[in-house]
Amino acid sequence: MENKKLVVTALVALLLLVGGGVWFYHNQTTVPKGWVNQSLMTLEKSDNKLSNSFYLMFDKNTAYLATRLGGNEESKPSKLSKDILNAFSLKENERPQAGQWVKLGRVKTEKLKNGYKFKTRKVTFILKKTANGAYQSQDGTYWQFVPEGVAESK
């Protein structure tokens, strides 16, 4: 009888421990606090080295990428560009259509000297802050935070 109580108590404790771990994992903030629920967008065609213009969106621990109109059709393939096309599950010569989006997955953030490294299971972004407040990714594309009213007007 006492063994049954011990086993039941151990199982309840194990379930609480596992449940708490799962809850913590899903609610843990892995993105810098100022970036949570924020979006970055690529800048003008000349500052965009990618095949399309994009929004890079963050919640507390996940990143999303959405395609905008425009882009740079003469862009040279870079590792970042290839990783993005792979995230959209597209062939190398195809471009995502405006409005398409993809969940990049859980974000692991590393603070750099003047920026951040955001690693997801699909794409890694190394964003370094520039003098004008924008961020530059590893391929030379410039990104800026989306102004407040723009995201709400969609």
N, C-alpha and C. Protein backbone atom coordinates (compact mmCIF):
# COMPACT_ATOMS: atom_id res chain seq x y z
N MET A 1 0.82 -1.20 0.00
CA MET A 1 0.00 0.00 0.00
C MET A 1 0.87 1.27 0.00
N GLU A 2 1.93 1.23 0.82
CA GLU A 2 2.80 2.39 0.88
C GLU A 2 3.59 2.56 -0.41
N ASN A 3 3.92 1.45 -1.07
CA ASN A 3 4.62 1.52 -2.36
C ASN A 3 3.75 2.17 -3.42
N LYS A 4 2.43 1.91 -3.39
CA LYS A 4 1.52 2.53 -4.37
C LYS A 4 1.49 4.04 -4.18
N LYS A 5 1.43 4.50 -2.94
CA LYS A 5 1.43 5.94 -2.66
C LYS A 5 2.73 6.58 -3.14
N LEU A 6 3.83 5.89 -2.92
CA LEU A 6 5.13 6.40 -3.35
C LEU A 6 5.21 6.50 -4.87
N VAL A 7 4.72 5.47 -5.56
CA VAL A 7 4.72 5.47 -7.02
C VAL A 7 3.82 6.57 -7.56
N VAL A 8 2.63 6.72 -7.01
CA VAL A 8 1.69 7.76 -7.45
C VAL A 8 2.30 9.14 -7.20
N THR A 9 2.91 9.35 -6.04
CA THR A 9 3.54 10.63 -5.73
C THR A 9 4.68 10.92 -6.70
N ALA A 10 5.47 9.92 -7.01
CA ALA A 10 6.57 10.10 -7.95
C ALA A 10 6.06 10.43 -9.35
N LEU A 11 4.99 9.77 -9.79
CA LEU A 11 4.41 10.05 -11.11
C LEU A 11 3.83 11.46 -11.17
N VAL A 12 3.14 11.89 -10.12
CA VAL A 12 2.58 13.24 -10.09
C VAL A 12 3.71 14.27 -10.13
N ALA A 13 4.76 14.04 -9.37
CA ALA A 13 5.91 14.96 -9.37
C ALA A 13 6.57 15.00 -10.75
N LEU A 14 6.71 13.85 -11.38
CA LEU A 14 7.29 13.78 -12.72
C LEU A 14 6.44 14.53 -13.74
N LEU A 15 5.13 14.35 -13.67
CA LEU A 15 4.22 15.06 -14.58
C LEU A 15 4.30 16.57 -14.37
N LEU A 16 4.35 17.01 -13.12
CA LEU A 16 4.47 18.44 -12.85
C LEU A 16 5.79 18.99 -13.36
N LEU A 17 6.86 18.22 -13.20
CA LEU A 17 8.16 18.65 -13.67
C LEU A 17 8.19 18.76 -15.20
N VAL A 18 7.67 17.77 -15.88
CA VAL A 18 7.62 17.78 -17.34
C VAL A 18 6.71 18.91 -17.83
N GLY A 19 5.54 19.03 -17.23
CA GLY A 19 4.61 20.09 -17.62
C GLY A 19 5.21 21.47 -17.41
N GLY A 20 5.92 21.66 -16.31
CA GLY A 20 6.57 22.94 -16.05
C GLY A 20 7.67 23.22 -17.05
N GLY A 21 8.42 22.20 -17.43
CA GLY A 21 9.47 22.37 -18.43
C GLY A 21 8.91 22.75 -19.79
N VAL A 22 7.82 22.10 -20.18
CA VAL A 22 7.17 22.41 -21.46
C VAL A 22 6.63 23.84 -21.43
N TRP A 23 5.97 24.21 -20.34
CA TRP A 23 5.43 25.56 -20.20
C TRP A 23 6.55 26.59 -20.30
N PHE A 24 7.65 26.36 -19.59
CA PHE A 24 8.78 27.29 -19.61
C PHE A 24 9.35 27.41 -21.02
N TYR A 25 9.53 26.30 -21.72
CA TYR A 25 10.09 26.31 -23.07
C TYR A 25 9.23 27.15 -24.01
N HIS A 26 7.91 27.00 -23.94
CA HIS A 26 7.02 27.71 -24.84
C HIS A 26 6.85 29.18 -24.47
N ASN A 27 7.08 29.53 -23.23
CA ASN A 27 6.87 30.91 -22.78
C ASN A 27 8.16 31.67 -22.56
N GLN A 28 9.30 31.03 -22.76
CA GLN A 28 10.58 31.69 -22.58
C GLN A 28 10.80 32.72 -23.69
N THR A 29 11.28 33.90 -23.32
CA THR A 29 11.59 34.93 -24.30
C THR A 29 13.04 34.75 -24.74
N THR A 30 13.24 34.49 -26.04
CA THR A 30 14.59 34.29 -26.58
C THR A 30 14.99 35.42 -27.52
N VAL A 31 14.09 36.36 -27.75
CA VAL A 31 14.34 37.51 -28.61
C VAL A 31 14.56 38.71 -27.69
N PRO A 32 15.46 39.63 -28.03
CA PRO A 32 15.65 40.82 -27.17
C PRO A 32 14.31 41.52 -26.91
N LYS A 33 14.12 41.99 -25.69
CA LYS A 33 12.82 42.55 -25.28
C LYS A 33 12.31 43.64 -26.21
N GLY A 34 13.19 44.51 -26.70
CA GLY A 34 12.77 45.58 -27.60
C GLY A 34 12.37 45.10 -28.99
N TRP A 35 12.65 43.85 -29.30
CA TRP A 35 12.35 43.30 -30.62
C TRP A 35 11.08 42.45 -30.63
N VAL A 36 10.55 42.14 -29.45
CA VAL A 36 9.36 41.29 -29.35
C VAL A 36 8.17 42.03 -29.97
N ASN A 37 7.42 41.34 -30.82
CA ASN A 37 6.26 41.90 -31.53
C ASN A 37 6.64 43.08 -32.43
N GLN A 38 7.86 43.06 -32.93
CA GLN A 38 8.34 44.07 -33.85
C GLN A 38 8.65 43.42 -35.20
N SER A 39 8.71 44.26 -36.22
CA SER A 39 9.05 43.78 -37.57
C SER A 39 10.16 44.64 -38.14
N LEU A 40 11.03 44.01 -38.89
CA LEU A 40 12.03 44.71 -39.68
C LEU A 40 11.62 44.55 -41.14
N MET A 41 11.95 45.54 -41.96
CA MET A 41 11.70 45.40 -43.39
C MET A 41 12.94 45.80 -44.15
N THR A 42 13.11 45.18 -45.32
CA THR A 42 14.25 45.52 -46.16
C THR A 42 14.03 46.93 -46.72
N LEU A 43 15.13 47.60 -47.00
CA LEU A 43 15.06 48.97 -47.52
C LEU A 43 14.97 48.97 -49.04
N GLU A 44 15.23 50.10 -49.62
CA GLU A 44 15.08 50.30 -51.07
C GLU A 44 15.85 49.27 -51.89
N LYS A 45 15.51 49.19 -53.15
CA LYS A 45 16.09 48.21 -54.07
C LYS A 45 17.62 48.24 -54.05
N SER A 46 18.21 49.42 -54.05
CA SER A 46 19.68 49.50 -54.09
C SER A 46 20.32 48.99 -52.80
N ASP A 47 19.59 49.03 -51.69
CA ASP A 47 20.11 48.54 -50.41
C ASP A 47 19.69 47.12 -50.11
N ASN A 48 18.96 46.50 -51.04
CA ASN A 48 18.45 45.15 -50.85
C ASN A 48 19.20 44.20 -51.76
N LYS A 49 19.94 43.29 -51.17
CA LYS A 49 20.71 42.32 -51.96
C LYS A 49 19.95 41.01 -52.16
N LEU A 50 18.72 40.95 -51.65
CA LEU A 50 17.90 39.74 -51.75
C LEU A 50 17.01 39.79 -52.98
N SER A 51 16.45 38.66 -53.36
CA SER A 51 15.61 38.59 -54.57
C SER A 51 14.28 39.29 -54.37
N ASN A 52 13.82 39.42 -53.14
CA ASN A 52 12.54 40.06 -52.83
C ASN A 52 12.75 41.05 -51.69
N SER A 53 11.73 41.84 -51.44
CA SER A 53 11.68 42.64 -50.22
C SER A 53 10.95 41.81 -49.18
N PHE A 54 11.37 41.92 -47.93
CA PHE A 54 10.83 41.07 -46.88
C PHE A 54 10.51 41.84 -45.62
N TYR A 55 9.60 41.27 -44.83
CA TYR A 55 9.41 41.64 -43.44
C TYR A 55 9.98 40.49 -42.61
N LEU A 56 10.75 40.80 -41.59
CA LEU A 56 11.24 39.83 -40.63
C LEU A 56 10.56 40.16 -39.31
N MET A 57 9.70 39.26 -38.86
CA MET A 57 8.85 39.53 -37.69
C MET A 57 9.23 38.61 -36.54
N PHE A 58 9.12 39.14 -35.32
CA PHE A 58 9.47 38.37 -34.13
C PHE A 58 8.32 38.39 -33.13
N ASP A 59 8.08 37.24 -32.50
CA ASP A 59 7.32 37.26 -31.26
C ASP A 59 8.33 36.93 -30.17
N LYS A 60 7.91 36.49 -29.01
CA LYS A 60 8.87 36.35 -27.91
C LYS A 60 9.93 35.27 -28.12
N ASN A 61 9.67 34.28 -28.97
CA ASN A 61 10.68 33.24 -29.19
C ASN A 61 10.64 32.63 -30.59
N THR A 62 9.94 33.26 -31.51
CA THR A 62 9.79 32.72 -32.87
C THR A 62 9.96 33.84 -33.89
N ALA A 63 10.50 33.50 -35.06
CA ALA A 63 10.65 34.46 -36.15
C ALA A 63 9.83 34.01 -37.35
N TYR A 64 9.34 34.99 -38.10
CA TYR A 64 8.56 34.77 -39.32
C TYR A 64 9.13 35.66 -40.41
N LEU A 65 9.01 35.23 -41.64
CA LEU A 65 9.47 36.00 -42.78
C LEU A 65 8.31 36.11 -43.76
N ALA A 66 7.99 37.33 -44.19
CA ALA A 66 6.91 37.56 -45.15
C ALA A 66 7.46 38.33 -46.34
N THR A 67 6.97 38.01 -47.51
CA THR A 67 7.42 38.63 -48.75
C THR A 67 6.61 39.89 -49.02
N ARG A 68 7.30 40.96 -49.42
CA ARG A 68 6.66 42.21 -49.83
C ARG A 68 6.78 42.34 -51.34
N LEU A 69 6.14 43.35 -51.88
CA LEU A 69 6.32 43.66 -53.30
C LEU A 69 7.71 44.20 -53.52
N GLY A 70 8.23 44.02 -54.69
CA GLY A 70 9.54 44.58 -55.03
C GLY A 70 10.66 43.61 -54.74
N GLY A 71 11.85 44.14 -54.79
CA GLY A 71 13.04 43.32 -54.58
C GLY A 71 14.07 43.68 -55.61
N ASN A 72 15.11 42.92 -55.65
CA ASN A 72 16.22 43.20 -56.54
C ASN A 72 16.39 42.01 -57.48
N GLU A 73 15.87 42.14 -58.69
CA GLU A 73 15.92 41.03 -59.64
C GLU A 73 17.34 40.72 -60.09
N GLU A 74 18.26 41.68 -59.97
CA GLU A 74 19.64 41.43 -60.34
C GLU A 74 20.47 40.95 -59.17
N SER A 75 19.83 40.54 -58.10
CA SER A 75 20.58 40.13 -56.91
C SER A 75 21.45 38.92 -57.21
N LYS A 76 22.63 38.93 -56.60
CA LYS A 76 23.53 37.79 -56.74
C LYS A 76 23.22 36.81 -55.62
N PRO A 77 23.19 35.52 -55.92
CA PRO A 77 22.88 34.54 -54.88
C PRO A 77 23.90 34.59 -53.74
N SER A 78 23.39 34.68 -52.53
CA SER A 78 24.24 34.62 -51.35
C SER A 78 23.72 33.46 -50.49
N LYS A 79 24.47 33.11 -49.47
CA LYS A 79 24.02 32.04 -48.58
C LYS A 79 22.70 32.43 -47.92
N LEU A 80 22.59 33.69 -47.50
CA LEU A 80 21.35 34.15 -46.88
C LEU A 80 20.18 34.04 -47.85
N SER A 81 20.38 34.48 -49.08
CA SER A 81 19.33 34.39 -50.09
C SER A 81 18.91 32.95 -50.34
N LYS A 82 19.88 32.05 -50.44
CA LYS A 82 19.57 30.63 -50.65
C LYS A 82 18.83 30.04 -49.47
N ASP A 83 19.26 30.40 -48.25
CA ASP A 83 18.58 29.91 -47.04
C ASP A 83 17.13 30.39 -46.99
N ILE A 84 16.91 31.64 -47.39
CA ILE A 84 15.55 32.18 -47.40
C ILE A 84 14.69 31.45 -48.43
N LEU A 85 15.22 31.24 -49.64
CA LEU A 85 14.46 30.50 -50.65
C LEU A 85 14.17 29.08 -50.18
N ASN A 86 15.13 28.45 -49.51
CA ASN A 86 14.90 27.11 -48.96
C ASN A 86 13.82 27.13 -47.88
N ALA A 87 13.79 28.20 -47.08
CA ALA A 87 12.76 28.31 -46.05
C ALA A 87 11.37 28.37 -46.67
N PHE A 88 11.28 29.01 -47.83
CA PHE A 88 10.00 29.06 -48.56
C PHE A 88 9.79 27.81 -49.40
N SER A 89 10.74 26.90 -49.38
CA SER A 89 10.70 25.64 -50.16
C SER A 89 10.59 25.92 -51.65
N LEU A 90 11.40 26.86 -52.12
CA LEU A 90 11.38 27.22 -53.54
C LEU A 90 12.69 26.78 -54.20
N LYS A 91 12.61 26.59 -55.50
CA LYS A 91 13.81 26.28 -56.26
C LYS A 91 14.65 27.54 -56.40
N GLU A 92 15.91 27.37 -56.75
CA GLU A 92 16.85 28.48 -56.76
C GLU A 92 16.44 29.62 -57.69
N ASN A 93 15.80 29.32 -58.80
CA ASN A 93 15.44 30.38 -59.75
C ASN A 93 14.03 30.92 -59.53
N GLU A 94 13.31 30.44 -58.55
CA GLU A 94 11.96 30.94 -58.24
C GLU A 94 12.03 31.98 -57.15
N ARG A 95 11.09 32.91 -57.20
CA ARG A 95 10.99 33.93 -56.16
C ARG A 95 9.65 33.78 -55.45
N PRO A 96 9.63 33.98 -54.13
CA PRO A 96 8.34 33.93 -53.44
C PRO A 96 7.44 35.08 -53.90
N GLN A 97 6.16 34.84 -53.89
CA GLN A 97 5.18 35.86 -54.29
C GLN A 97 4.88 36.79 -53.11
N ALA A 98 4.52 38.02 -53.41
CA ALA A 98 4.17 38.98 -52.36
C ALA A 98 3.04 38.41 -51.51
N GLY A 99 3.18 38.54 -50.22
CA GLY A 99 2.17 38.03 -49.30
C GLY A 99 2.47 36.65 -48.75
N GLN A 100 3.37 35.90 -49.39
CA GLN A 100 3.74 34.59 -48.85
C GLN A 100 4.54 34.80 -47.57
N TRP A 101 4.33 33.93 -46.60
CA TRP A 101 5.11 34.01 -45.37
C TRP A 101 5.49 32.62 -44.92
N VAL A 102 6.50 32.55 -44.08
CA VAL A 102 6.98 31.27 -43.57
C VAL A 102 7.40 31.46 -42.10
N LYS A 103 7.07 30.45 -41.30
CA LYS A 103 7.51 30.44 -39.91
C LYS A 103 8.93 29.87 -39.90
N LEU A 104 9.89 30.67 -39.43
CA LEU A 104 11.28 30.24 -39.42
C LEU A 104 11.60 29.36 -38.21
N GLY A 105 10.80 29.43 -37.19
CA GLY A 105 10.99 28.59 -36.02
C GLY A 105 11.52 29.35 -34.82
N ARG A 106 11.86 28.58 -33.80
CA ARG A 106 12.35 29.14 -32.54
C ARG A 106 13.67 29.87 -32.79
N VAL A 107 13.83 31.01 -32.12
CA VAL A 107 15.00 31.86 -32.29
C VAL A 107 15.98 31.64 -31.14
N LYS A 108 17.24 31.47 -31.50
CA LYS A 108 18.33 31.52 -30.54
C LYS A 108 19.06 32.82 -30.82
N THR A 109 19.16 33.68 -29.83
CA THR A 109 19.76 35.00 -30.02
C THR A 109 21.13 35.06 -29.38
N GLU A 110 22.06 35.62 -30.12
CA GLU A 110 23.40 35.86 -29.59
C GLU A 110 23.68 37.35 -29.74
N LYS A 111 24.03 38.01 -28.63
CA LYS A 111 24.36 39.43 -28.66
C LYS A 111 25.76 39.59 -29.22
N LEU A 112 25.89 40.44 -30.23
CA LEU A 112 27.19 40.75 -30.83
C LEU A 112 27.63 42.14 -30.37
N LYS A 113 28.84 42.53 -30.73
CA LYS A 113 29.36 43.83 -30.32
C LYS A 113 28.42 44.97 -30.72
N ASN A 114 27.94 44.98 -31.94
CA ASN A 114 27.08 46.05 -32.42
C ASN A 114 25.84 45.50 -33.14
N GLY A 115 25.28 44.42 -32.62
CA GLY A 115 24.09 43.85 -33.25
C GLY A 115 23.70 42.52 -32.62
N TYR A 116 23.06 41.69 -33.41
CA TYR A 116 22.57 40.40 -32.93
C TYR A 116 22.74 39.34 -34.01
N LYS A 117 22.84 38.12 -33.55
CA LYS A 117 22.79 36.95 -34.43
C LYS A 117 21.54 36.19 -34.05
N PHE A 118 20.60 36.09 -35.00
CA PHE A 118 19.35 35.37 -34.79
C PHE A 118 19.43 34.06 -35.57
N LYS A 119 19.45 32.96 -34.85
CA LYS A 119 19.57 31.65 -35.49
C LYS A 119 18.26 30.91 -35.32
N THR A 120 17.70 30.48 -36.46
CA THR A 120 16.52 29.62 -36.44
C THR A 120 16.92 28.32 -37.14
N ARG A 121 16.03 27.37 -37.15
CA ARG A 121 16.40 26.10 -37.81
C ARG A 121 16.45 26.25 -39.33
N LYS A 122 15.90 27.33 -39.87
CA LYS A 122 15.89 27.51 -41.33
C LYS A 122 16.87 28.57 -41.83
N VAL A 123 17.01 29.67 -41.10
CA VAL A 123 17.83 30.80 -41.56
C VAL A 123 18.56 31.41 -40.36
N THR A 124 19.77 31.87 -40.60
CA THR A 124 20.51 32.62 -39.59
C THR A 124 20.72 34.04 -40.11
N PHE A 125 20.31 35.02 -39.31
CA PHE A 125 20.49 36.43 -39.65
C PHE A 125 21.54 37.01 -38.72
N ILE A 126 22.56 37.66 -39.28
CA ILE A 126 23.52 38.42 -38.49
C ILE A 126 23.24 39.88 -38.82
N LEU A 127 22.65 40.59 -37.87
CA LEU A 127 22.23 41.98 -38.10
C LEU A 127 23.10 42.91 -37.26
N LYS A 128 23.83 43.79 -37.95
CA LYS A 128 24.70 44.75 -37.27
C LYS A 128 24.13 46.14 -37.46
N LYS A 129 24.07 46.88 -36.37
CA LYS A 129 23.51 48.23 -36.40
C LYS A 129 24.45 49.18 -37.15
N THR A 130 23.86 50.00 -38.00
CA THR A 130 24.63 50.98 -38.77
C THR A 130 24.49 52.36 -38.13
N ALA A 131 25.25 53.31 -38.62
CA ALA A 131 25.25 54.66 -38.05
C ALA A 131 23.89 55.34 -38.16
N ASN A 132 23.10 54.99 -39.19
CA ASN A 132 21.81 55.65 -39.38
C ASN A 132 20.67 54.94 -38.65
N GLY A 133 20.98 53.93 -37.84
CA GLY A 133 19.96 53.25 -37.05
C GLY A 133 19.37 52.01 -37.70
N ALA A 134 19.66 51.80 -38.97
CA ALA A 134 19.18 50.59 -39.65
C ALA A 134 20.10 49.43 -39.25
N TYR A 135 19.76 48.24 -39.70
CA TYR A 135 20.60 47.07 -39.48
C TYR A 135 21.02 46.52 -40.83
N GLN A 136 22.23 45.98 -40.89
CA GLN A 136 22.74 45.39 -42.12
C GLN A 136 22.98 43.91 -41.89
N SER A 137 22.40 43.08 -42.76
CA SER A 137 22.58 41.64 -42.64
C SER A 137 23.90 41.22 -43.28
N GLN A 138 24.26 39.95 -43.10
CA GLN A 138 25.55 39.45 -43.55
C GLN A 138 25.77 39.55 -45.06
N ASP A 139 24.70 39.70 -45.85
CA ASP A 139 24.86 39.82 -47.30
C ASP A 139 24.89 41.28 -47.76
N GLY A 140 24.76 42.22 -46.83
CA GLY A 140 24.79 43.64 -47.18
C GLY A 140 23.43 44.28 -47.30
N THR A 141 22.35 43.53 -47.11
CA THR A 141 21.00 44.09 -47.18
C THR A 141 20.72 44.92 -45.93
N TYR A 142 20.08 46.08 -46.13
CA TYR A 142 19.72 46.95 -45.03
C TYR A 142 18.29 46.68 -44.59
N TRP A 143 18.07 46.64 -43.27
CA TRP A 143 16.77 46.40 -42.66
C TRP A 143 16.50 47.51 -41.66
N GLN A 144 15.24 47.92 -41.56
CA GLN A 144 14.87 48.90 -40.53
C GLN A 144 13.59 48.45 -39.86
N PHE A 145 13.38 48.93 -38.63
CA PHE A 145 12.13 48.62 -37.95
C PHE A 145 10.98 49.26 -38.69
N VAL A 146 9.86 48.55 -38.76
CA VAL A 146 8.67 49.07 -39.42
C VAL A 146 8.08 50.14 -38.52
N PRO A 147 7.81 51.35 -39.05
CA PRO A 147 7.19 52.39 -38.24
C PRO A 147 5.83 51.92 -37.69
N GLU A 148 5.47 52.42 -36.53
CA GLU A 148 4.28 51.95 -35.81
C GLU A 148 3.01 51.89 -36.66
N GLY A 149 2.64 52.95 -37.35
CA GLY A 149 1.39 53.00 -38.09
C GLY A 149 1.32 52.09 -39.29
N VAL A 150 2.47 51.70 -39.87
CA VAL A 150 2.51 50.92 -41.09
C VAL A 150 1.97 49.50 -40.84
N ALA A 151 2.41 48.89 -39.75
CA ALA A 151 2.00 47.50 -39.46
C ALA A 151 0.52 47.42 -39.16
N GLU A 152 -0.06 48.47 -38.55
CA GLU A 152 -1.47 48.44 -38.19
C GLU A 152 -2.40 48.69 -39.36
N SER A 153 -1.88 49.29 -40.45
CA SER A 153 -2.75 49.65 -41.57
C SER A 153 -2.94 48.50 -42.56
N LYS A 154 -2.33 47.35 -42.31
CA LYS A 154 -2.45 46.22 -43.25
C LYS A 154 -3.81 45.59 -43.19
